[in-house]
Protein backbone atom coordinates (compact mmCIF):
# COMPACT_ATOMS: atom_id res chain seq x y z
CA LEU A 1 0.00 0.00 0.00
CA GLN A 2 2.75 2.46 0.92
CA ILE A 3 4.46 2.21 -2.45
CA GLY A 4 1.23 2.35 -4.46
CA ASP A 5 1.26 -1.27 -5.65
CA TYR A 6 -2.42 -1.81 -5.00
CA PRO A 7 -2.78 -5.06 -6.97
CA GLY A 8 0.23 -6.41 -5.07
CA ALA A 9 -1.18 -5.20 -1.74
CA TYR A 10 -4.50 -6.84 -2.56
CA ALA A 11 -2.73 -10.12 -3.38
CA ARG A 12 -0.60 -10.02 -0.19
CA ALA A 13 -3.63 -9.26 1.98
CA THR A 14 -5.48 -12.15 0.31
CA GLU A 15 -2.54 -14.43 1.16
CA ALA A 16 -2.70 -13.27 4.79
CA ILE A 17 -6.46 -13.92 4.86
CA ASP A 18 -5.91 -17.39 3.40
CA LEU A 19 -3.46 -18.11 6.24
CA ASN A 20 -5.80 -16.75 8.92
CA ASN A 21 -9.26 -15.60 7.93
CA LEU A 22 -9.80 -14.20 11.43
CA ASN A 23 -7.16 -11.51 10.84
CA ALA A 24 -9.19 -8.29 10.89
CA GLN A 25 -6.19 -6.18 9.90
CA ALA A 26 -5.59 -8.27 6.76
CA TRP A 27 -9.25 -7.86 5.78
CA ASN A 28 -8.97 -4.11 6.26
CA TYR A 29 -5.70 -3.92 4.28
CA ARG A 30 -7.39 -5.76 1.44
CA ALA A 31 -10.34 -3.35 1.67
CA MET A 32 -7.92 -0.42 1.51
CA ALA A 33 -6.24 -1.89 -1.55
CA ALA A 34 -9.67 -2.42 -3.13
CA THR A 35 -10.61 1.24 -2.59
CA ASN A 36 -7.42 2.31 -4.35
CA LEU A 37 -8.35 -0.04 -7.20
CA ARG A 38 -11.81 1.59 -7.27
CA ARG A 39 -13.42 -1.74 -6.35
CA TYR A 40 -15.73 -0.16 -3.81
CA SER A 41 -18.17 -3.08 -3.44
CA ASP A 42 -15.25 -5.38 -2.65
CA ALA A 43 -13.93 -2.80 -0.19
CA VAL A 44 -17.29 -2.60 1.58
CA TYR A 45 -17.40 -6.40 1.84
CA ASP A 46 -13.86 -6.74 3.18
CA ALA A 47 -14.16 -3.82 5.61
CA SER A 48 -17.46 -5.25 6.84
CA TYR A 49 -15.74 -8.57 7.46
CA ALA A 50 -13.01 -6.77 9.43
CA ILE A 51 -15.65 -4.92 11.46
CA ASN A 52 -17.43 -8.18 12.23
CA LEU A 53 -14.14 -9.58 13.51
CA ASP A 54 -13.17 -6.52 15.56
CA ALA A 55 -15.75 -3.74 15.75
CA ALA A 56 -13.80 -1.86 18.43
CA GLN A 57 -11.10 -0.69 16.01
CA ALA A 58 -11.63 2.48 13.96
CA PRO A 59 -9.65 1.75 10.76
CA ALA A 60 -12.12 -0.65 9.12
CA TRP A 61 -14.97 1.75 9.88
CA VAL A 62 -13.00 4.52 8.16
CA THR A 63 -12.21 2.31 5.16
CA ARG A 64 -15.84 1.28 4.77
CA SER A 65 -17.00 4.89 5.19
CA TRP A 66 -14.79 5.95 2.28
CA ALA A 67 -15.98 3.07 0.10
CA PHE A 68 -19.64 3.82 0.87
CA ALA A 69 -19.14 7.51 0.05
CA LYS A 70 -17.41 6.66 -3.24
CA GLN A 71 -20.50 4.58 -4.11
CA GLY A 72 -22.77 7.52 -3.27
CA ASN A 73 -24.13 5.81 -0.14
CA TYR A 74 -23.64 8.92 1.96
CA ARG A 75 -25.93 7.97 4.84
CA GLU A 76 -23.99 4.75 5.42
CA ALA A 77 -20.71 6.64 4.99
CA GLU A 78 -21.75 9.15 7.63
CA ARG A 79 -22.78 6.39 10.02
CA ASP A 80 -19.44 4.62 9.65
CA ALA A 81 -17.38 7.82 9.96
CA ARG A 82 -19.22 8.63 13.19
CA ALA A 83 -18.63 5.08 14.46
CA ALA A 84 -14.91 5.50 13.74
CA LEU A 85 -14.88 8.80 15.62
CA GLU A 86 -16.49 7.15 18.64
CA LYS A 87 -13.57 4.73 18.70
CA ALA A 88 -10.85 7.22 17.75
CA PRO A 89 -11.98 10.83 18.33
CA GLY A 90 -8.80 12.28 16.83
CA ASN A 91 -8.82 10.31 13.57
CA GLY A 92 -8.33 12.84 10.77
CA TYR A 93 -9.40 10.34 8.12
CA ALA A 94 -12.69 9.75 9.91
CA PHE A 95 -13.35 13.50 9.95
CA HIS A 96 -12.38 13.67 6.27
CA ASP A 97 -14.77 10.87 5.39
CA LEU A 98 -17.49 12.44 7.52
CA ALA A 99 -17.02 15.66 5.53
CA PHE A 100 -17.40 13.70 2.27
CA ALA A 101 -20.59 12.06 3.52
CA LEU A 102 -22.06 15.34 4.75
CA ALA A 103 -21.17 17.03 1.46
CA GLY A 104 -22.94 14.23 -0.38
CA GLU A 105 -26.01 14.78 1.78
CA GLY A 106 -25.97 18.49 0.91
CA ARG A 107 -24.97 19.54 4.44
CA ARG A 108 -22.31 22.02 3.36
CA GLU A 109 -21.67 23.87 6.63
CA GLU A 110 -21.39 20.64 8.61
CA ALA A 111 -19.03 19.25 5.96
CA ILE A 112 -16.78 22.31 6.32
CA VAL A 113 -16.73 21.88 10.10
CA ALA A 114 -15.76 18.21 9.67
CA LEU A 115 -13.02 19.19 7.19
CA ARG A 116 -11.77 21.77 9.66
CA HIS A 117 -11.46 19.01 12.27
CA ALA A 118 -9.69 16.78 9.72
CA ALA A 119 -7.18 19.56 9.00
CA GLU A 120 -6.61 20.13 12.72
CA GLN A 121 -5.80 16.44 13.13
CA ASP A 122 -3.72 16.12 9.96
CA PRO A 123 -2.33 19.17 8.14
CA ARG A 124 -2.40 17.32 4.82
CA PHE A 125 -6.15 18.03 4.76
CA LYS A 126 -5.65 21.83 4.98
CA PRO A 127 -5.55 22.37 1.19
CA LYS A 128 -8.90 20.60 0.82
CA LEU A 129 -10.38 22.75 3.59
CA GLU A 130 -9.09 25.87 1.86
CA LYS A 131 -10.64 24.77 -1.45
CA ALA A 132 -13.94 24.03 0.32
CA MET A 133 -13.97 27.52 1.80
CA GLN A 134 -13.50 29.01 -1.68
CA LEU A 135 -16.33 27.09 -3.35
CA ALA A 136 -19.48 28.96 -4.26
CA GLN A 137 -22.51 28.02 -2.18
CA ASN A 138 -24.13 26.20 -5.09
CA GLU A 139 -21.05 24.17 -6.11
CA ASP A 140 -21.00 20.43 -5.53
CA MET A 141 -18.63 19.89 -2.62
CA THR A 142 -18.35 16.18 -3.33
CA LEU A 143 -16.04 17.05 -6.23
CA LEU A 144 -13.41 17.88 -3.62
CA PHE A 145 -13.33 14.18 -2.77
CA SER A 146 -12.72 12.83 -6.27
CA ASP A 147 -9.11 12.24 -5.34
CA GLY A 148 -7.68 9.45 -3.31
CA PRO A 149 -4.85 9.12 -0.82
CA ALA A 150 -2.21 8.78 -3.55
CA GLN A 151 -3.14 12.19 -4.98
CA PHE A 152 -2.62 13.81 -1.57
CA ALA A 153 0.91 12.41 -1.36
CA ALA A 154 1.68 13.43 -4.93
CA ALA A 155 0.56 16.98 -4.21
CA ALA A 156 2.95 17.41 -1.27
CA PRO A 157 6.20 19.29 -1.89
CA ALA A 158 9.04 16.85 -2.55
CA GLU A 159 10.90 17.60 0.67
CA GLU A 160 7.74 17.08 2.71
CA LYS A 161 6.39 13.91 1.11
CA ASP A 162 4.97 11.56 3.67
CA TRP A 163 4.03 8.32 2.01
CA SER A 164 2.14 7.17 5.10
CA ILE A 165 -0.89 9.01 3.66
CA LEU A 166 -1.26 6.03 1.33
CA VAL A 167 -2.14 3.89 4.32
CA ARG A 168 -4.86 4.92 6.68
CA PRO A 169 -3.45 4.58 10.21
CA LEU A 170 -4.47 1.50 12.15
């Protein structure tokens, strides 16, 4: 995942699942790889499996929230982002995904507040917050979320690149 080899990451996570299908982290890694491959239904399935194995951990909730939002299932995305925040109140990705879900539901001001929290937790979300603040009231905020984690890393100045953005923290 960290080097952007999403098919390889998907294959390695599948191998880990084959060795131990009770490994919630492997299921979530495979879900993360699937989101980067734009296989959102697969990501929802795998993240759901991870949640069923270990519902107390935030990462799978965040992964599934993103996949739901990318499918346009904003209500489910909001629910999962809020569940992740219950488990990890300082998770910038959960706030980011909550902003995406709220934007999809047409709740612009709440989405901006969620993005503000995301940027407070992780400065890599500040450019997205700034863009959101510049959008006209009638513009579709969901367009701000057409990117993925790899685009965030690519947009960082070379001396400040942090490839950990490719992997949502566990």
